[in-house]
């Protein structure tokens, strides 16, 4: 899913690990003593996804972010060549409904080492390289999970964009729809918590400069 370019306070990786952050308390994370890396999955179209689940399918249209050390890292598109990777309060995406948190694996990086690792990854994910079918937020989540833990994100999160039906028989129909969705996100689609309290807390840790600039 395409996330609108983060507003100031939500994001440059250069400062997202500094200062105090609105961290997720340990008791709010799922109970899994072995994992500290999670994939947070959101339904973009809850109604459509619910119908798919009623048919015993996990096919759907999702947004995802990777949660580590109380921060959620996600990717979205914007018009310039700076990184589209940003950090925010976990499970606070708006424009989508939180569905589940999936444990991926464990890392032993401290916050500084994590920042350096994500900053290195972010250089490969510029905002202008976003593509709703080939390089979206779910591709990034899978890439980051593999980089950090050697394990993939859940396969179902990108089944829509990798479907042979989408790429083949229905490609001419779905691509225009995807482009419409893409334009929708440019003008107010998925963002992260924007209430005053959350914004102030995020600003104190992510810095005053937005736009997802890498360190």
C-alpha atoms as a PDB file:
ATOM      1  CA  UNK A   1       0.000   0.000   0.000  1.00  0.00           C
ATOM      2  CA  UNK A   2       1.175   3.495  -0.697  1.00  0.00           C
ATOM      3  CA  UNK A   3       1.646   5.643   2.366  1.00  0.00           C
ATOM      4  CA  UNK A   4       1.581   9.393   2.095  1.00  0.00           C
ATOM      5  CA  UNK A   5       4.972  11.037   2.667  1.00  0.00           C
ATOM      6  CA  UNK A   6       5.329  11.402   6.440  1.00  0.00           C
ATOM      7  CA  UNK A   7       4.628  14.788   7.936  1.00  0.00           C
ATOM      8  CA  UNK A   8       7.233  16.498  10.145  1.00  0.00           C
ATOM      9  CA  UNK A   9       7.584  14.619  13.379  1.00  0.00           C
ATOM     10  CA  UNK A  10       6.956  11.197  11.872  1.00  0.00           C
ATOM     11  CA  UNK A  11       9.968  10.408  10.429  1.00  0.00           C
ATOM     12  CA  UNK A  12      13.401  10.913   9.178  1.00  0.00           C
ATOM     13  CA  UNK A  13      15.535   7.929  10.040  1.00  0.00           C
ATOM     14  CA  UNK A  14      18.391  10.287  10.807  1.00  0.00           C
ATOM     15  CA  UNK A  15      16.774  11.166  14.132  1.00  0.00           C
ATOM     16  CA  UNK A  16      14.037   8.600  14.692  1.00  0.00           C
ATOM     17  CA  UNK A  17      16.047   6.685  17.269  1.00  0.00           C
ATOM     18  CA  UNK A  18      17.098   9.661  19.344  1.00  0.00           C
ATOM     19  CA  UNK A  19      15.483  10.968  22.517  1.00  0.00           C
ATOM     20  CA  UNK A  20      12.369   9.556  24.137  1.00  0.00           C
ATOM     21  CA  UNK A  21       9.845   7.767  21.973  1.00  0.00           C
ATOM     22  CA  UNK A  22       6.289   6.636  22.461  1.00  0.00           C
ATOM     23  CA  UNK A  23       7.343   3.028  22.820  1.00  0.00           C
ATOM     24  CA  UNK A  24       4.935   0.120  22.990  1.00  0.00           C
ATOM     25  CA  UNK A  25       4.963  -1.342  26.514  1.00  0.00           C
ATOM     26  CA  UNK A  26       6.198  -4.955  26.561  1.00  0.00           C
ATOM     27  CA  UNK A  27       2.858  -6.204  27.860  1.00  0.00           C
ATOM     28  CA  UNK A  28       1.140  -4.837  24.733  1.00  0.00           C
ATOM     29  CA  UNK A  29       3.317  -6.890  22.426  1.00  0.00           C
ATOM     30  CA  UNK A  30       2.217 -10.430  21.708  1.00  0.00           C
ATOM     31  CA  UNK A  31       3.611 -13.034  24.043  1.00  0.00           C
ATOM     32  CA  UNK A  32       6.539 -14.610  22.243  1.00  0.00           C
ATOM     33  CA  UNK A  33       9.716 -14.774  24.304  1.00  0.00           C
ATOM     34  CA  UNK A  34      11.821 -15.660  21.276  1.00  0.00           C
ATOM     35  CA  UNK A  35      10.770 -12.787  18.996  1.00  0.00           C
ATOM     36  CA  UNK A  36      11.466  -9.064  19.188  1.00  0.00           C
ATOM     37  CA  UNK A  37      10.895  -8.366  15.485  1.00  0.00           C
ATOM     38  CA  UNK A  38       7.271  -8.283  14.381  1.00  0.00           C
ATOM     39  CA  UNK A  39       5.335  -7.602  11.205  1.00  0.00           C
ATOM     40  CA  UNK A  40       2.285  -5.438  11.909  1.00  0.00           C
ATOM     41  CA  UNK A  41      -0.468  -6.147   9.385  1.00  0.00           C
ATOM     42  CA  UNK A  42      -3.319  -3.762   8.560  1.00  0.00           C
ATOM     43  CA  UNK A  43      -6.414  -4.283   6.407  1.00  0.00           C
ATOM     44  CA  UNK A  44      -6.635  -1.548   3.767  1.00  0.00           C
ATOM     45  CA  UNK A  45     -10.053  -2.762   2.619  1.00  0.00           C
ATOM     46  CA  UNK A  46     -11.483  -4.543   5.692  1.00  0.00           C
ATOM     47  CA  UNK A  47     -14.744  -5.487   3.980  1.00  0.00           C
ATOM     48  CA  UNK A  48     -13.040  -7.093   0.995  1.00  0.00           C
ATOM     49  CA  UNK A  49     -10.488  -8.832   3.183  1.00  0.00           C
ATOM     50  CA  UNK A  50     -13.226 -10.136   5.502  1.00  0.00           C
ATOM     51  CA  UNK A  51     -15.070 -11.693   2.576  1.00  0.00           C
ATOM     52  CA  UNK A  52     -11.842 -13.366   1.465  1.00  0.00           C
ATOM     53  CA  UNK A  53     -11.330 -14.788   4.957  1.00  0.00           C
ATOM     54  CA  UNK A  54     -14.910 -16.101   4.960  1.00  0.00           C
ATOM     55  CA  UNK A  55     -13.899 -18.043   1.868  1.00  0.00           C
ATOM     56  CA  UNK A  56     -10.990 -19.482   3.872  1.00  0.00           C
ATOM     57  CA  UNK A  57      -8.451 -17.419   1.985  1.00  0.00           C
ATOM     58  CA  UNK A  58      -5.847 -15.002   3.344  1.00  0.00           C
ATOM     59  CA  UNK A  59      -5.848 -13.137   0.024  1.00  0.00           C
ATOM     60  CA  UNK A  60      -6.399  -9.447   0.632  1.00  0.00           C
ATOM     61  CA  UNK A  61      -5.047  -5.934   0.319  1.00  0.00           C
ATOM     62  CA  UNK A  62      -2.778  -5.035   3.219  1.00  0.00           C
ATOM     63  CA  UNK A  63      -0.457  -2.398   4.610  1.00  0.00           C
ATOM     64  CA  UNK A  64       2.439  -3.540   6.797  1.00  0.00           C
ATOM     65  CA  UNK A  65       5.228  -2.169   8.950  1.00  0.00           C
ATOM     66  CA  UNK A  66       8.062  -3.833  10.855  1.00  0.00           C
ATOM     67  CA  UNK A  67       8.125  -3.321  14.628  1.00  0.00           C
ATOM     68  CA  UNK A  68      11.436  -3.512  16.477  1.00  0.00           C
ATOM     69  CA  UNK A  69      12.322  -2.103  19.908  1.00  0.00           C
ATOM     70  CA  UNK A  70       9.009  -0.252  20.163  1.00  0.00           C
ATOM     71  CA  UNK A  71       9.300   1.466  16.772  1.00  0.00           C
ATOM     72  CA  UNK A  72       7.466   0.699  13.549  1.00  0.00           C
ATOM     73  CA  UNK A  73       9.362   1.075  10.270  1.00  0.00           C
ATOM     74  CA  UNK A  74       7.356   1.418   7.074  1.00  0.00           C
ATOM     75  CA  UNK A  75       7.737   2.558   3.491  1.00  0.00           C
ATOM     76  CA  UNK A  76       5.719   4.926   1.335  1.00  0.00           C
ATOM     77  CA  UNK A  77       6.048   6.732  -1.944  1.00  0.00           C
ATOM     78  CA  UNK A  78       6.690  10.394  -2.713  1.00  0.00           C
ATOM     79  CA  UNK A  79       7.932  12.309  -5.777  1.00  0.00           C
ATOM     80  CA  UNK A  80      11.630  12.751  -4.969  1.00  0.00           C
ATOM     81  CA  UNK A  81      14.690  10.541  -4.588  1.00  0.00           C
ATOM     82  CA  UNK A  82      15.016  10.724  -0.795  1.00  0.00           C
ATOM     83  CA  UNK A  83      14.146   7.615   1.181  1.00  0.00           C
ATOM     84  CA  UNK A  84      10.530   6.591   1.579  1.00  0.00           C
ATOM     85  CA  UNK A  85      11.336   4.728   4.806  1.00  0.00           C
ATOM     86  CA  UNK A  86      10.165   6.261   8.072  1.00  0.00           C
ATOM     87  CA  UNK A  87       9.478   5.318  11.687  1.00  0.00           C
ATOM     88  CA  UNK A  88       6.407   5.914  13.819  1.00  0.00           C
ATOM     89  CA  UNK A  89       4.476   4.699  16.835  1.00  0.00           C
ATOM     90  CA  UNK A  90       3.634   0.999  16.320  1.00  0.00           C
ATOM     91  CA  UNK A  91       0.133   0.011  15.252  1.00  0.00           C
ATOM     92  CA  UNK A  92      -0.915   3.629  14.736  1.00  0.00           C
ATOM     93  CA  UNK A  93      -1.498   3.624  10.959  1.00  0.00           C
ATOM     94  CA  UNK A  94      -4.589   5.559   9.934  1.00  0.00           C
ATOM     95  CA  UNK A  95      -6.481   4.863   6.735  1.00  0.00           C
ATOM     96  CA  UNK A  96      -6.174   1.135   7.468  1.00  0.00           C
ATOM     97  CA  UNK A  97      -7.388  -1.164  10.247  1.00  0.00           C
ATOM     98  CA  UNK A  98      -4.880  -3.022  12.397  1.00  0.00           C
ATOM     99  CA  UNK A  99      -5.362  -6.767  11.898  1.00  0.00           C
ATOM    100  CA  UNK A 100      -2.590  -8.691  13.620  1.00  0.00           C
ATOM    101  CA  UNK A 101       1.001  -8.723  14.793  1.00  0.00           C
ATOM    102  CA  UNK A 102       3.086 -11.586  13.413  1.00  0.00           C
ATOM    103  CA  UNK A 103       6.326 -12.590  15.192  1.00  0.00           C
ATOM    104  CA  UNK A 104       9.226 -12.885  12.747  1.00  0.00           C
ATOM    105  CA  UNK A 105      12.389 -13.533  14.727  1.00  0.00           C
ATOM    106  CA  UNK A 106      14.902 -12.079  17.108  1.00  0.00           C
ATOM    107  CA  UNK A 107      17.803  -9.656  16.801  1.00  0.00           C
ATOM    108  CA  UNK A 108      20.407  -8.685  19.371  1.00  0.00           C
ATOM    109  CA  UNK A 109      21.044  -5.185  18.017  1.00  0.00           C
ATOM    110  CA  UNK A 110      20.919  -2.270  20.417  1.00  0.00           C
ATOM    111  CA  UNK A 111      18.934   0.835  19.360  1.00  0.00           C
ATOM    112  CA  UNK A 112      21.976   2.530  17.788  1.00  0.00           C
ATOM    113  CA  UNK A 113      22.890  -0.580  15.811  1.00  0.00           C
ATOM    114  CA  UNK A 114      19.265  -0.923  14.716  1.00  0.00           C
ATOM    115  CA  UNK A 115      19.215   2.672  13.530  1.00  0.00           C
ATOM    116  CA  UNK A 116      22.377   2.087  11.499  1.00  0.00           C
ATOM    117  CA  UNK A 117      20.999  -1.125   9.987  1.00  0.00           C
ATOM    118  CA  UNK A 118      17.690   0.463   8.958  1.00  0.00           C
ATOM    119  CA  UNK A 119      19.436   3.585   7.651  1.00  0.00           C
ATOM    120  CA  UNK A 120      21.573   1.381   5.420  1.00  0.00           C
ATOM    121  CA  UNK A 121      18.488  -0.429   4.112  1.00  0.00           C
ATOM    122  CA  UNK A 122      16.615   2.846   3.607  1.00  0.00           C
ATOM    123  CA  UNK A 123      19.107   3.994   0.979  1.00  0.00           C
ATOM    124  CA  UNK A 124      17.752   1.297  -1.312  1.00  0.00           C
ATOM    125  CA  UNK A 125      14.136   2.434  -0.905  1.00  0.00           C
ATOM    126  CA  UNK A 126      13.683   5.916  -2.330  1.00  0.00           C
ATOM    127  CA  UNK A 127      10.219   7.411  -2.385  1.00  0.00           C
ATOM    128  CA  UNK A 128      10.182   7.790  -6.153  1.00  0.00           C
ATOM    129  CA  UNK A 129      10.895   4.080  -6.695  1.00  0.00           C
ATOM    130  CA  UNK A 130       7.548   3.081  -5.178  1.00  0.00           C
ATOM    131  CA  UNK A 131       5.336   0.866  -7.348  1.00  0.00           C
ATOM    132  CA  UNK A 132       2.011  -0.519  -6.052  1.00  0.00           C
ATOM    133  CA  UNK A 133       2.614  -3.937  -7.615  1.00  0.00           C
ATOM    134  CA  UNK A 134       6.382  -4.351  -7.707  1.00  0.00           C
ATOM    135  CA  UNK A 135       7.798  -2.268  -4.841  1.00  0.00           C
ATOM    136  CA  UNK A 136       5.276  -1.405  -2.168  1.00  0.00           C
ATOM    137  CA  UNK A 137       5.189  -1.267   1.644  1.00  0.00           C
ATOM    138  CA  UNK A 138       4.832  -5.044   1.864  1.00  0.00           C
ATOM    139  CA  UNK A 139       7.888  -5.637  -0.312  1.00  0.00           C
ATOM    140  CA  UNK A 140       9.804  -3.367   2.050  1.00  0.00           C
ATOM    141  CA  UNK A 141       8.529  -5.171   5.153  1.00  0.00           C
ATOM    142  CA  UNK A 142       9.602  -8.501   3.709  1.00  0.00           C
ATOM    143  CA  UNK A 143      13.008  -7.081   2.746  1.00  0.00           C
ATOM    144  CA  UNK A 144      13.615  -5.581   6.199  1.00  0.00           C
ATOM    145  CA  UNK A 145      12.505  -8.755   7.990  1.00  0.00           C
ATOM    146  CA  UNK A 146      14.958 -10.784   5.917  1.00  0.00           C
ATOM    147  CA  UNK A 147      17.764  -8.277   6.476  1.00  0.00           C
ATOM    148  CA  UNK A 148      17.273  -8.236  10.247  1.00  0.00           C
ATOM    149  CA  UNK A 149      16.399 -11.860  10.979  1.00  0.00           C
ATOM    150  CA  UNK A 150      16.992 -13.891   7.830  1.00  0.00           C
ATOM    151  CA  UNK A 151      13.286 -14.784   7.887  1.00  0.00           C
ATOM    152  CA  UNK A 152      10.543 -13.486   5.548  1.00  0.00           C
ATOM    153  CA  UNK A 153       7.414 -11.546   6.372  1.00  0.00           C
ATOM    154  CA  UNK A 154       4.153 -13.513   6.067  1.00  0.00           C
ATOM    155  CA  UNK A 155       3.642 -14.615   2.459  1.00  0.00           C
ATOM    156  CA  UNK A 156       0.000 -13.547   2.356  1.00  0.00           C
ATOM    157  CA  UNK A 157       0.673  -9.810   2.745  1.00  0.00           C
ATOM    158  CA  UNK A 158       1.632  -9.382  -0.915  1.00  0.00           C
ATOM    159  CA  UNK A 159      -0.442 -12.127  -2.511  1.00  0.00           C
ATOM    160  CA  UNK A 160      -2.593  -9.505  -4.225  1.00  0.00           C
ATOM    161  CA  UNK A 161       0.312  -7.882  -6.070  1.00  0.00           C
ATOM    162  CA  UNK A 162       1.997 -11.178  -6.966  1.00  0.00           C
ATOM    163  CA  UNK A 163      -1.164 -12.955  -8.095  1.00  0.00           C
ATOM    164  CA  UNK A 164      -0.873 -14.449 -11.562  1.00  0.00           C
ATOM    165  CA  UNK A 165      -4.474 -13.423 -12.159  1.00  0.00           C
ATOM    166  CA  UNK A 166      -3.551  -9.818 -11.408  1.00  0.00           C
ATOM    167  CA  UNK A 167      -0.389  -9.926 -13.504  1.00  0.00           C
ATOM    168  CA  UNK A 168      -1.951 -11.898 -16.310  1.00  0.00           C
ATOM    169  CA  UNK A 169      -5.615 -12.135 -17.238  1.00  0.00           C
ATOM    170  CA  UNK A 170      -6.795  -9.110 -15.281  1.00  0.00           C
ATOM    171  CA  UNK A 171      -3.643  -6.991 -15.496  1.00  0.00           C
ATOM    172  CA  UNK A 172      -5.158  -4.394 -17.818  1.00  0.00           C
ATOM    173  CA  UNK A 173      -8.040  -3.864 -15.417  1.00  0.00           C
ATOM    174  CA  UNK A 174      -6.190  -3.968 -12.122  1.00  0.00           C
ATOM    175  CA  UNK A 175      -3.304  -1.657 -13.018  1.00  0.00           C
ATOM    176  CA  UNK A 176      -5.585   1.344 -13.661  1.00  0.00           C
ATOM    177  CA  UNK A 177      -7.347   0.581 -10.374  1.00  0.00           C
ATOM    178  CA  UNK A 178      -3.975   0.398  -8.671  1.00  0.00           C
ATOM    179  CA  UNK A 179      -2.999   3.756 -10.119  1.00  0.00           C
ATOM    180  CA  UNK A 180      -6.237   5.240  -8.790  1.00  0.00           C
ATOM    181  CA  UNK A 181      -5.458   3.799  -5.355  1.00  0.00           C
ATOM    182  CA  UNK A 182      -1.948   5.205  -5.684  1.00  0.00           C
ATOM    183  CA  UNK A 183      -3.294   8.710  -6.366  1.00  0.00           C
ATOM    184  CA  UNK A 184      -5.689   8.328  -3.431  1.00  0.00           C
ATOM    185  CA  UNK A 185      -2.812   7.641  -1.057  1.00  0.00           C
ATOM    186  CA  UNK A 186      -0.915  10.669  -2.381  1.00  0.00           C
ATOM    187  CA  UNK A 187      -3.803  12.848  -1.244  1.00  0.00           C
ATOM    188  CA  UNK A 188      -4.499  11.507   2.225  1.00  0.00           C
ATOM    189  CA  UNK A 189      -4.316   7.722   2.346  1.00  0.00           C
ATOM    190  CA  UNK A 190      -2.402   5.800   5.013  1.00  0.00           C
ATOM    191  CA  UNK A 191      -0.680   7.989   7.581  1.00  0.00           C
ATOM    192  CA  UNK A 192       0.362   7.370  11.174  1.00  0.00           C
ATOM    193  CA  UNK A 193      -1.089   8.752  14.422  1.00  0.00           C
ATOM    194  CA  UNK A 194      -1.681  12.478  14.143  1.00  0.00           C
ATOM    195  CA  UNK A 195      -3.332  13.315  17.457  1.00  0.00           C
ATOM    196  CA  UNK A 196      -1.566  16.034  19.431  1.00  0.00           C
ATOM    197  CA  UNK A 197      -0.138  13.698  22.074  1.00  0.00           C
ATOM    198  CA  UNK A 198       1.212  11.186  19.573  1.00  0.00           C
ATOM    199  CA  UNK A 199       2.601  13.915  17.332  1.00  0.00           C
ATOM    200  CA  UNK A 200       4.441  15.565  20.223  1.00  0.00           C
ATOM    201  CA  UNK A 201       5.924  12.282  21.386  1.00  0.00           C
ATOM    202  CA  UNK A 202       6.978  11.287  17.887  1.00  0.00           C
ATOM    203  CA  UNK A 203       8.469  14.698  17.264  1.00  0.00           C
ATOM    204  CA  UNK A 204      10.612  14.414  20.384  1.00  0.00           C
ATOM    205  CA  UNK A 205      12.217  11.248  19.059  1.00  0.00           C
ATOM    206  CA  UNK A 206      11.956  11.473  15.286  1.00  0.00           C
ATOM    207  CA  UNK A 207      13.092  15.071  15.166  1.00  0.00           C
ATOM    208  CA  UNK A 208      11.462  18.108  13.624  1.00  0.00           C
ATOM    209  CA  UNK A 209      12.415  17.211  10.064  1.00  0.00           C
ATOM    210  CA  UNK A 210      10.003  14.939   8.219  1.00  0.00           C
ATOM    211  CA  UNK A 211      10.148  13.456   4.761  1.00  0.00           C
ATOM    212  CA  UNK A 212      11.874  10.233   5.756  1.00  0.00           C
ATOM    213  CA  UNK A 213      15.421  11.408   5.146  1.00  0.00           C
ATOM    214  CA  UNK A 214      18.055   8.775   5.821  1.00  0.00           C
ATOM    215  CA  UNK A 215      20.819   9.231   8.309  1.00  0.00           C
END
